[in-house]
Amino acid sequence: MMTDPFFYAAAIPAVIMVGLSKGGFGGAMALLGVPLMALAVSPVQAAAILLPILIVMDIVSLWTWRSHKDNKTLAIMLPGALIGITIGWATAAWVTAPMIRLIVGAVALWFVWRYIMQNLAAARTGGKQPPRGHQPVPGVLWGTLSGFTSFVSHAGGPPYQIYTLPLQQDPKTYTGTSVRFFAIMNAVKLVPYFALGQFDATNLSTSLALAPLAPVATLAGAFIVRRMKPDIFYPFMYAMVLLAALKLIWDGAIHLLA
């Protein structure tokens, strides 16, 4: 188990932020988990320590949001996500995480910009942007990108949100569906992570030491989201996507320039 106090000074806030995100707060805070922990250990080791904790958070989230889901979203996006994870595992030796972060960040930034422009246009005409219906082909494609980026750099949130946020589902349905989607992805990721040798006794024992924080932070996030109205929830979620996009672009650009 890790014994460096500096590591825990970085890891404890990281786990809390990821837990709040898992509770329903969106992906922006989750993206800070690995970079914070990477202040004390390598990014690869940080991701390996965090994955078992994510599994604990997923279990808590699945129980918390057990009555809320949209099966059609899952049926459309999960096959693509499994394909994306497979591609990520097969190309792990060649694909660079910074480039993926930069691309995903740029796409997410475009997505938020389009949302703002559409709402400004709707405001000028006195209308409101209507919900978009399901589109199987784009859903599979965004699911594939979510699975791939989740495997490569734990950045599967923005591609998922690009497809699902325009559906304008009830906040509880949206959160319950996203919880199931990422819980399944994280469970599937365990197999290739083991195959790539990402887990050892030190990392697993460190994960176990941090795990008690997971349910507390996750339940806190769910408590807040349950009390948010759609008119607050969706602008907040788009703001989270914007922060995630800027964080991904920053991380990708810094590493590529270095």
C-alpha atoms as a PDB file:
ATOM      1  CA  MET A   1       0.000   0.000   0.000  1.00  0.00           C
ATOM      2  CA  MET A   2       1.132   3.547  -0.698  1.00  0.00           C
ATOM      3  CA  THR A   3       2.389   5.297   2.465  1.00  0.00           C
ATOM      4  CA  ASP A   4       3.438   8.701   1.090  1.00  0.00           C
ATOM      5  CA  PRO A   5       1.355  11.422   2.858  1.00  0.00           C
ATOM      6  CA  PHE A   6       1.591  13.667  -0.224  1.00  0.00           C
ATOM      7  CA  PHE A   7      -0.106  10.959  -2.279  1.00  0.00           C
ATOM      8  CA  TYR A   8      -3.099  10.853   0.077  1.00  0.00           C
ATOM      9  CA  ALA A   9      -3.245  14.656   0.187  1.00  0.00           C
ATOM     10  CA  ALA A  10      -3.856  14.498  -3.565  1.00  0.00           C
ATOM     11  CA  ALA A  11      -5.822  11.229  -3.715  1.00  0.00           C
ATOM     12  CA  ILE A  12      -8.474  11.991  -1.075  1.00  0.00           C
ATOM     13  CA  PRO A  13      -9.801  15.154  -2.812  1.00  0.00           C
ATOM     14  CA  ALA A  14      -9.585  13.297  -6.126  1.00  0.00           C
ATOM     15  CA  VAL A  15     -11.766  10.430  -4.893  1.00  0.00           C
ATOM     16  CA  ILE A  16     -14.287  12.862  -3.371  1.00  0.00           C
ATOM     17  CA  MET A  17     -14.634  14.797  -6.642  1.00  0.00           C
ATOM     18  CA  VAL A  18     -14.987  11.624  -8.692  1.00  0.00           C
ATOM     19  CA  GLY A  19     -17.603  10.348  -6.218  1.00  0.00           C
ATOM     20  CA  LEU A  20     -19.664  13.539  -6.514  1.00  0.00           C
ATOM     21  CA  SER A  21     -19.486  13.123 -10.280  1.00  0.00           C
ATOM     22  CA  LYS A  22     -20.582   9.496 -10.042  1.00  0.00           C
ATOM     23  CA  GLY A  23     -23.518  10.532  -7.905  1.00  0.00           C
ATOM     24  CA  GLY A  24     -24.855  12.494 -10.874  1.00  0.00           C
ATOM     25  CA  PHE A  25     -22.829  15.695 -11.057  1.00  0.00           C
ATOM     26  CA  GLY A  26     -21.417  15.078 -14.526  1.00  0.00           C
ATOM     27  CA  GLY A  27     -17.974  14.285 -15.877  1.00  0.00           C
ATOM     28  CA  ALA A  28     -15.993  17.489 -15.317  1.00  0.00           C
ATOM     29  CA  MET A  29     -15.048  16.710 -11.715  1.00  0.00           C
ATOM     30  CA  ALA A  30     -14.330  13.086 -12.614  1.00  0.00           C
ATOM     31  CA  LEU A  31     -11.719  14.261 -15.118  1.00  0.00           C
ATOM     32  CA  LEU A  32      -9.775  15.873 -12.274  1.00  0.00           C
ATOM     33  CA  GLY A  33      -9.333  12.548 -10.460  1.00  0.00           C
ATOM     34  CA  VAL A  34      -6.403  11.071 -12.370  1.00  0.00           C
ATOM     35  CA  PRO A  35      -4.543  14.409 -12.875  1.00  0.00           C
ATOM     36  CA  LEU A  36      -4.760  15.164  -9.139  1.00  0.00           C
ATOM     37  CA  MET A  37      -3.467  11.733  -8.179  1.00  0.00           C
ATOM     38  CA  ALA A  38      -0.818  12.051 -10.895  1.00  0.00           C
ATOM     39  CA  LEU A  39       0.772  14.835  -8.844  1.00  0.00           C
ATOM     40  CA  ALA A  40       2.142  12.073  -6.622  1.00  0.00           C
ATOM     41  CA  VAL A  41       2.301   8.978  -8.880  1.00  0.00           C
ATOM     42  CA  SER A  42       2.420   8.273 -12.609  1.00  0.00           C
ATOM     43  CA  PRO A  43      -0.822   8.755 -14.585  1.00  0.00           C
ATOM     44  CA  VAL A  44      -0.888   5.033 -15.403  1.00  0.00           C
ATOM     45  CA  GLN A  45      -0.634   4.070 -11.731  1.00  0.00           C
ATOM     46  CA  ALA A  46      -3.220   6.708 -10.805  1.00  0.00           C
ATOM     47  CA  ALA A  47      -5.695   5.247 -13.308  1.00  0.00           C
ATOM     48  CA  ALA A  48      -5.039   1.711 -12.040  1.00  0.00           C
ATOM     49  CA  ILE A  49      -5.637   2.765  -8.417  1.00  0.00           C
ATOM     50  CA  LEU A  50      -8.783   4.666  -9.330  1.00  0.00           C
ATOM     51  CA  LEU A  51     -10.527   1.960 -11.396  1.00  0.00           C
ATOM     52  CA  PRO A  52     -11.451  -0.378  -8.471  1.00  0.00           C
ATOM     53  CA  ILE A  53     -12.724   2.697  -6.580  1.00  0.00           C
ATOM     54  CA  LEU A  54     -14.864   3.552  -9.601  1.00  0.00           C
ATOM     55  CA  ILE A  55     -16.357   0.059  -9.382  1.00  0.00           C
ATOM     56  CA  VAL A  56     -17.348   0.686  -5.741  1.00  0.00           C
ATOM     57  CA  MET A  57     -18.885   4.019  -6.751  1.00  0.00           C
ATOM     58  CA  ASP A  58     -20.756   2.308  -9.575  1.00  0.00           C
ATOM     59  CA  ILE A  59     -22.280  -0.207  -7.150  1.00  0.00           C
ATOM     60  CA  VAL A  60     -23.493   2.604  -4.880  1.00  0.00           C
ATOM     61  CA  SER A  61     -24.812   4.600  -7.859  1.00  0.00           C
ATOM     62  CA  LEU A  62     -26.636   1.596  -9.309  1.00  0.00           C
ATOM     63  CA  TRP A  63     -28.444   1.079  -6.008  1.00  0.00           C
ATOM     64  CA  THR A  64     -29.194   4.801  -5.603  1.00  0.00           C
ATOM     65  CA  TRP A  65     -30.614   5.214  -9.130  1.00  0.00           C
ATOM     66  CA  ARG A  66     -32.063   1.695  -9.437  1.00  0.00           C
ATOM     67  CA  SER A  67     -35.558   2.946 -10.382  1.00  0.00           C
ATOM     68  CA  HIS A  68     -34.452   5.335 -13.139  1.00  0.00           C
ATOM     69  CA  LYS A  69     -33.182   4.401 -16.600  1.00  0.00           C
ATOM     70  CA  ASP A  70     -33.842   4.642 -20.326  1.00  0.00           C
ATOM     71  CA  ASN A  71     -33.374   1.225 -21.913  1.00  0.00           C
ATOM     72  CA  LYS A  72     -33.363   2.612 -25.447  1.00  0.00           C
ATOM     73  CA  THR A  73     -30.330   4.800 -24.748  1.00  0.00           C
ATOM     74  CA  LEU A  74     -28.476   1.812 -23.329  1.00  0.00           C
ATOM     75  CA  ALA A  75     -29.497  -0.458 -26.222  1.00  0.00           C
ATOM     76  CA  ILE A  76     -28.185   2.060 -28.744  1.00  0.00           C
ATOM     77  CA  MET A  77     -24.950   3.143 -27.026  1.00  0.00           C
ATOM     78  CA  LEU A  78     -23.630   0.085 -25.167  1.00  0.00           C
ATOM     79  CA  PRO A  79     -22.748  -2.019 -28.262  1.00  0.00           C
ATOM     80  CA  GLY A  80     -20.660   0.882 -29.539  1.00  0.00           C
ATOM     81  CA  ALA A  81     -19.028   1.302 -26.129  1.00  0.00           C
ATOM     82  CA  LEU A  82     -17.926  -2.346 -26.097  1.00  0.00           C
ATOM     83  CA  ILE A  83     -16.467  -1.900 -29.576  1.00  0.00           C
ATOM     84  CA  GLY A  84     -14.638   1.225 -28.390  1.00  0.00           C
ATOM     85  CA  ILE A  85     -13.143  -0.557 -25.379  1.00  0.00           C
ATOM     86  CA  THR A  86     -11.949  -3.373 -27.653  1.00  0.00           C
ATOM     87  CA  ILE A  87     -10.325  -0.871 -30.017  1.00  0.00           C
ATOM     88  CA  GLY A  88      -8.678   0.882 -27.057  1.00  0.00           C
ATOM     89  CA  TRP A  89      -7.256  -2.406 -25.764  1.00  0.00           C
ATOM     90  CA  ALA A  90      -6.036  -3.461 -29.223  1.00  0.00           C
ATOM     91  CA  THR A  91      -4.327  -0.121 -29.879  1.00  0.00           C
ATOM     92  CA  ALA A  92      -3.033   0.557 -26.348  1.00  0.00           C
ATOM     93  CA  ALA A  93       0.599   0.319 -27.479  1.00  0.00           C
ATOM     94  CA  TRP A  94       0.190   2.921 -30.247  1.00  0.00           C
ATOM     95  CA  VAL A  95      -2.462   5.431 -29.215  1.00  0.00           C
ATOM     96  CA  THR A  96      -1.358   8.420 -27.134  1.00  0.00           C
ATOM     97  CA  ALA A  97      -3.749   9.628 -24.449  1.00  0.00           C
ATOM     98  CA  PRO A  98      -2.836  13.361 -24.894  1.00  0.00           C
ATOM     99  CA  MET A  99      -3.939  13.344 -28.541  1.00  0.00           C
ATOM    100  CA  ILE A 100      -7.215  11.634 -27.618  1.00  0.00           C
ATOM    101  CA  ARG A 101      -7.849  14.180 -24.864  1.00  0.00           C
ATOM    102  CA  LEU A 102      -7.217  17.041 -27.284  1.00  0.00           C
ATOM    103  CA  ILE A 103      -9.595  15.659 -29.917  1.00  0.00           C
ATOM    104  CA  VAL A 104     -12.368  14.825 -27.439  1.00  0.00           C
ATOM    105  CA  GLY A 105     -11.980  18.223 -25.780  1.00  0.00           C
ATOM    106  CA  ALA A 106     -12.280  20.024 -29.110  1.00  0.00           C
ATOM    107  CA  VAL A 107     -15.416  18.062 -30.058  1.00  0.00           C
ATOM    108  CA  ALA A 108     -16.985  18.717 -26.645  1.00  0.00           C
ATOM    109  CA  LEU A 109     -16.194  22.439 -26.953  1.00  0.00           C
ATOM    110  CA  TRP A 110     -17.917  22.521 -30.345  1.00  0.00           C
ATOM    111  CA  PHE A 111     -20.907  20.717 -28.787  1.00  0.00           C
ATOM    112  CA  VAL A 112     -21.311  23.352 -26.048  1.00  0.00           C
ATOM    113  CA  TRP A 113     -20.866  26.188 -28.564  1.00  0.00           C
ATOM    114  CA  ARG A 114     -23.636  24.678 -30.727  1.00  0.00           C
ATOM    115  CA  TYR A 115     -25.912  24.389 -27.676  1.00  0.00           C
ATOM    116  CA  ILE A 116     -25.359  28.057 -26.807  1.00  0.00           C
ATOM    117  CA  MET A 117     -25.991  29.203 -30.396  1.00  0.00           C
ATOM    118  CA  GLN A 118     -29.176  27.122 -30.671  1.00  0.00           C
ATOM    119  CA  ASN A 119     -30.535  28.514 -27.413  1.00  0.00           C
ATOM    120  CA  LEU A 120     -29.717  32.084 -28.419  1.00  0.00           C
ATOM    121  CA  ALA A 121     -31.564  31.536 -31.702  1.00  0.00           C
ATOM    122  CA  ALA A 122     -34.530  30.020 -29.853  1.00  0.00           C
ATOM    123  CA  ALA A 123     -34.591  32.959 -27.426  1.00  0.00           C
ATOM    124  CA  ARG A 124     -34.702  35.443 -30.311  1.00  0.00           C
ATOM    125  CA  THR A 125     -37.751  33.717 -31.789  1.00  0.00           C
ATOM    126  CA  GLY A 126     -39.427  33.243 -28.427  1.00  0.00           C
ATOM    127  CA  GLY A 127     -39.238  29.461 -28.609  1.00  0.00           C
ATOM    128  CA  LYS A 128     -37.386  26.703 -26.805  1.00  0.00           C
ATOM    129  CA  GLN A 129     -35.009  24.128 -28.210  1.00  0.00           C
ATOM    130  CA  PRO A 130     -37.110  20.924 -28.511  1.00  0.00           C
ATOM    131  CA  PRO A 131     -35.820  17.539 -27.330  1.00  0.00           C
ATOM    132  CA  ARG A 132     -34.080  15.487 -30.002  1.00  0.00           C
ATOM    133  CA  GLY A 133     -35.246  11.950 -30.599  1.00  0.00           C
ATOM    134  CA  HIS A 134     -33.030   8.886 -30.591  1.00  0.00           C
ATOM    135  CA  GLN A 135     -30.739   8.414 -33.597  1.00  0.00           C
ATOM    136  CA  PRO A 136     -29.259   4.883 -33.612  1.00  0.00           C
ATOM    137  CA  VAL A 137     -26.310   5.480 -35.958  1.00  0.00           C
ATOM    138  CA  PRO A 138     -24.963   8.595 -34.166  1.00  0.00           C
ATOM    139  CA  GLY A 139     -25.704   6.852 -30.861  1.00  0.00           C
ATOM    140  CA  VAL A 140     -23.520   3.874 -31.755  1.00  0.00           C
ATOM    141  CA  LEU A 141     -20.745   6.153 -33.016  1.00  0.00           C
ATOM    142  CA  TRP A 142     -20.728   8.318 -29.872  1.00  0.00           C
ATOM    143  CA  GLY A 143     -20.942   5.165 -27.748  1.00  0.00           C
ATOM    144  CA  THR A 144     -17.876   3.784 -29.535  1.00  0.00           C
ATOM    145  CA  LEU A 145     -15.930   6.998 -28.950  1.00  0.00           C
ATOM    146  CA  SER A 146     -17.016   7.015 -25.307  1.00  0.00           C
ATOM    147  CA  GLY A 147     -15.800   3.443 -24.792  1.00  0.00           C
ATOM    148  CA  PHE A 148     -12.513   4.139 -26.564  1.00  0.00           C
ATOM    149  CA  THR A 149     -11.700   7.370 -24.705  1.00  0.00           C
ATOM    150  CA  SER A 150     -12.821   5.856 -21.406  1.00  0.00           C
ATOM    151  CA  PHE A 151     -10.357   3.012 -21.843  1.00  0.00           C
ATOM    152  CA  VAL A 152      -7.481   5.186 -23.062  1.00  0.00           C
ATOM    153  CA  SER A 153      -7.792   8.157 -20.711  1.00  0.00           C
ATOM    154  CA  HIS A 154     -10.902   7.807 -18.451  1.00  0.00           C
ATOM    155  CA  ALA A 155     -12.541  10.538 -20.591  1.00  0.00           C
ATOM    156  CA  GLY A 156     -15.695   8.767 -21.754  1.00  0.00           C
ATOM    157  CA  GLY A 157     -18.100  11.362 -20.333  1.00  0.00           C
ATOM    158  CA  PRO A 158     -18.112  14.067 -23.046  1.00  0.00           C
ATOM    159  CA  PRO A 159     -18.871  11.716 -25.994  1.00  0.00           C
ATOM    160  CA  TYR A 160     -21.686  10.146 -23.981  1.00  0.00           C
ATOM    161  CA  GLN A 161     -23.109  13.556 -23.104  1.00  0.00           C
ATOM    162  CA  ILE A 162     -22.926  14.791 -26.702  1.00  0.00           C
ATOM    163  CA  TYR A 163     -25.483  12.137 -27.634  1.00  0.00           C
ATOM    164  CA  THR A 164     -27.636  12.078 -24.491  1.00  0.00           C
ATOM    165  CA  LEU A 165     -27.974  15.701 -23.333  1.00  0.00           C
ATOM    166  CA  PRO A 166     -30.016  16.806 -26.410  1.00  0.00           C
ATOM    167  CA  LEU A 167     -32.563  14.081 -25.537  1.00  0.00           C
ATOM    168  CA  GLN A 168     -33.567  16.319 -22.588  1.00  0.00           C
ATOM    169  CA  GLN A 169     -34.589  13.392 -20.417  1.00  0.00           C
ATOM    170  CA  ASP A 170     -35.819  13.893 -16.872  1.00  0.00           C
ATOM    171  CA  PRO A 171     -32.691  14.507 -14.719  1.00  0.00           C
ATOM    172  CA  LYS A 172     -33.297  11.324 -12.718  1.00  0.00           C
ATOM    173  CA  THR A 173     -33.702   9.251 -15.906  1.00  0.00           C
ATOM    174  CA  TYR A 174     -30.604  10.822 -17.435  1.00  0.00           C
ATOM    175  CA  THR A 175     -28.522  10.150 -14.323  1.00  0.00           C
ATOM    176  CA  GLY A 176     -29.790   6.587 -13.818  1.00  0.00           C
ATOM    177  CA  THR A 177     -29.059   5.739 -17.457  1.00  0.00           C
ATOM    178  CA  SER A 178     -25.562   7.224 -17.398  1.00  0.00           C
ATOM    179  CA  VAL A 179     -24.812   5.359 -14.163  1.00  0.00           C
ATOM    180  CA  ARG A 180     -25.699   2.032 -15.805  1.00  0.00           C
ATOM    181  CA  PHE A 181     -23.762   2.873 -18.964  1.00  0.00           C
ATOM    182  CA  PHE A 182     -20.499   3.664 -17.173  1.00  0.00           C
ATOM    183  CA  ALA A 183     -20.899   0.890 -14.590  1.00  0.00           C
ATOM    184  CA  ILE A 184     -21.028  -1.672 -17.385  1.00  0.00           C
ATOM    185  CA  MET A 185     -18.069  -0.040 -19.147  1.00  0.00           C
ATOM    186  CA  ASN A 186     -15.930   0.006 -15.986  1.00  0.00           C
ATOM    187  CA  ALA A 187     -16.725  -3.646 -15.268  1.00  0.00           C
ATOM    188  CA  VAL A 188     -15.749  -4.627 -18.827  1.00  0.00           C
ATOM    189  CA  LYS A 189     -12.530  -2.560 -18.583  1.00  0.00           C
ATOM    190  CA  LEU A 190     -11.304  -4.684 -15.672  1.00  0.00           C
ATOM    191  CA  VAL A 191     -10.464  -7.581 -18.006  1.00  0.00           C
ATOM    192  CA  PRO A 192      -8.154  -5.716 -20.428  1.00  0.00           C
ATOM    193  CA  TYR A 193      -6.620  -3.731 -17.559  1.00  0.00           C
ATOM    194  CA  PHE A 194      -5.652  -7.012 -15.888  1.00  0.00           C
ATOM    195  CA  ALA A 195      -4.359  -8.320 -19.221  1.00  0.00           C
ATOM    196  CA  LEU A 196      -2.161  -5.235 -19.607  1.00  0.00           C
ATOM    197  CA  GLY A 197      -0.703  -5.730 -16.095  1.00  0.00           C
ATOM    198  CA  GLN A 198      -2.163  -2.547 -14.604  1.00  0.00           C
ATOM    199  CA  PHE A 199      -3.007  -4.098 -11.215  1.00  0.00           C
ATOM    200  CA  ASP A 200      -0.553  -5.224  -8.526  1.00  0.00           C
ATOM    201  CA  ALA A 201      -0.662  -5.670  -4.739  1.00  0.00           C
ATOM    202  CA  THR A 202       0.441  -2.088  -4.019  1.00  0.00           C
ATOM    203  CA  ASN A 203      -2.172  -0.490  -6.262  1.00  0.00           C
ATOM    204  CA  LEU A 204      -5.007  -2.759  -5.122  1.00  0.00           C
ATOM    205  CA  SER A 205      -4.256  -2.271  -1.409  1.00  0.00           C
ATOM    206  CA  THR A 206      -4.139   1.502  -1.962  1.00  0.00           C
ATOM    207  CA  SER A 207      -7.495   1.324  -3.727  1.00  0.00           C
ATOM    208  CA  LEU A 208      -8.878  -0.580  -0.735  1.00  0.00           C
ATOM    209  CA  ALA A 209      -7.626   2.100   1.674  1.00  0.00           C
ATOM    210  CA  LEU A 210      -9.344   4.857  -0.310  1.00  0.00           C
ATOM    211  CA  ALA A 211     -12.541   2.903  -1.023  1.00  0.00           C
ATOM    212  CA  PRO A 212     -14.483   3.984   2.129  1.00  0.00           C
ATOM    213  CA  LEU A 213     -14.630   7.517   0.719  1.00  0.00           C
ATOM    214  CA  ALA A 214     -16.389   6.285  -2.432  1.00  0.00           C
ATOM    215  CA  PRO A 215     -19.934   5.630  -1.122  1.00  0.00           C
ATOM    216  CA  VAL A 216     -20.015   8.810   0.990  1.00  0.00           C
ATOM    217  CA  ALA A 217     -19.066  11.084  -1.915  1.00  0.00           C
ATOM    218  CA  THR A 218     -21.335   9.249  -4.371  1.00  0.00           C
ATOM    219  CA  LEU A 219     -24.390   9.464  -2.111  1.00  0.00           C
ATOM    220  CA  ALA A 220     -23.692  13.169  -1.523  1.00  0.00           C
ATOM    221  CA  GLY A 221     -23.715  13.796  -5.271  1.00  0.00           C
ATOM    222  CA  ALA A 222     -26.965  11.866  -5.705  1.00  0.00           C
ATOM    223  CA  PHE A 223     -28.590  13.765  -2.823  1.00  0.00           C
ATOM    224  CA  ILE A 224     -27.940  17.098  -4.565  1.00  0.00           C
ATOM    225  CA  VAL A 225     -28.941  15.955  -8.069  1.00  0.00           C
ATOM    226  CA  ARG A 226     -32.280  14.548  -6.850  1.00  0.00           C
ATOM    227  CA  ARG A 227     -33.238  18.051  -5.768  1.00  0.00           C
ATOM    228  CA  MET A 228     -32.300  19.860  -8.987  1.00  0.00           C
ATOM    229  CA  LYS A 229     -35.008  20.996 -11.404  1.00  0.00           C
ATOM    230  CA  PRO A 230     -34.478  20.375 -15.163  1.00  0.00           C
ATOM    231  CA  ASP A 231     -34.137  24.139 -15.797  1.00  0.00           C
ATOM    232  CA  ILE A 232     -31.145  24.115 -13.463  1.00  0.00           C
ATOM    233  CA  PHE A 233     -29.843  20.617 -14.145  1.00  0.00           C
ATOM    234  CA  TYR A 234     -29.314  20.933 -17.901  1.00  0.00           C
ATOM    235  CA  PRO A 235     -27.508  24.302 -17.966  1.00  0.00           C
ATOM    236  CA  PHE A 236     -25.372  22.945 -15.130  1.00  0.00           C
ATOM    237  CA  MET A 237     -24.572  19.789 -17.095  1.00  0.00           C
ATOM    238  CA  TYR A 238     -23.588  21.791 -20.184  1.00  0.00           C
ATOM    239  CA  ALA A 239     -21.348  23.920 -17.963  1.00  0.00           C
ATOM    240  CA  MET A 240     -19.736  20.699 -16.729  1.00  0.00           C
ATOM    241  CA  VAL A 241     -19.160  19.604 -20.332  1.00  0.00           C
ATOM    242  CA  LEU A 242     -17.532  22.973 -21.045  1.00  0.00           C
ATOM    243  CA  LEU A 243     -15.202  22.594 -18.067  1.00  0.00           C
ATOM    244  CA  ALA A 244     -14.410  19.030 -19.122  1.00  0.00           C
ATOM    245  CA  ALA A 245     -13.657  20.207 -22.677  1.00  0.00           C
ATOM    246  CA  LEU A 246     -11.291  22.936 -21.479  1.00  0.00           C
ATOM    247  CA  LYS A 247      -9.567  20.491 -19.096  1.00  0.00           C
ATOM    248  CA  LEU A 248      -9.102  17.899 -21.841  1.00  0.00           C
ATOM    249  CA  ILE A 249      -7.760  20.472 -24.305  1.00  0.00           C
ATOM    250  CA  TRP A 250      -5.366  21.841 -21.680  1.00  0.00           C
ATOM    251  CA  ASP A 251      -4.052  18.397 -20.681  1.00  0.00           C
ATOM    252  CA  GLY A 252      -3.687  17.255 -24.276  1.00  0.00           C
ATOM    253  CA  ALA A 253      -1.960  20.429 -25.456  1.00  0.00           C
ATOM    254  CA  ILE A 254       0.457  20.572 -22.493  1.00  0.00           C
ATOM    255  CA  HIS A 255       1.595  16.964 -22.990  1.00  0.00           C
ATOM    256  CA  LEU A 256       1.908  17.272 -26.751  1.00  0.00           C
ATOM    257  CA  LEU A 257       3.914  20.507 -26.501  1.00  0.00           C
ATOM    258  CA  ALA A 258       6.140  18.906 -23.863  1.00  0.00           C
END
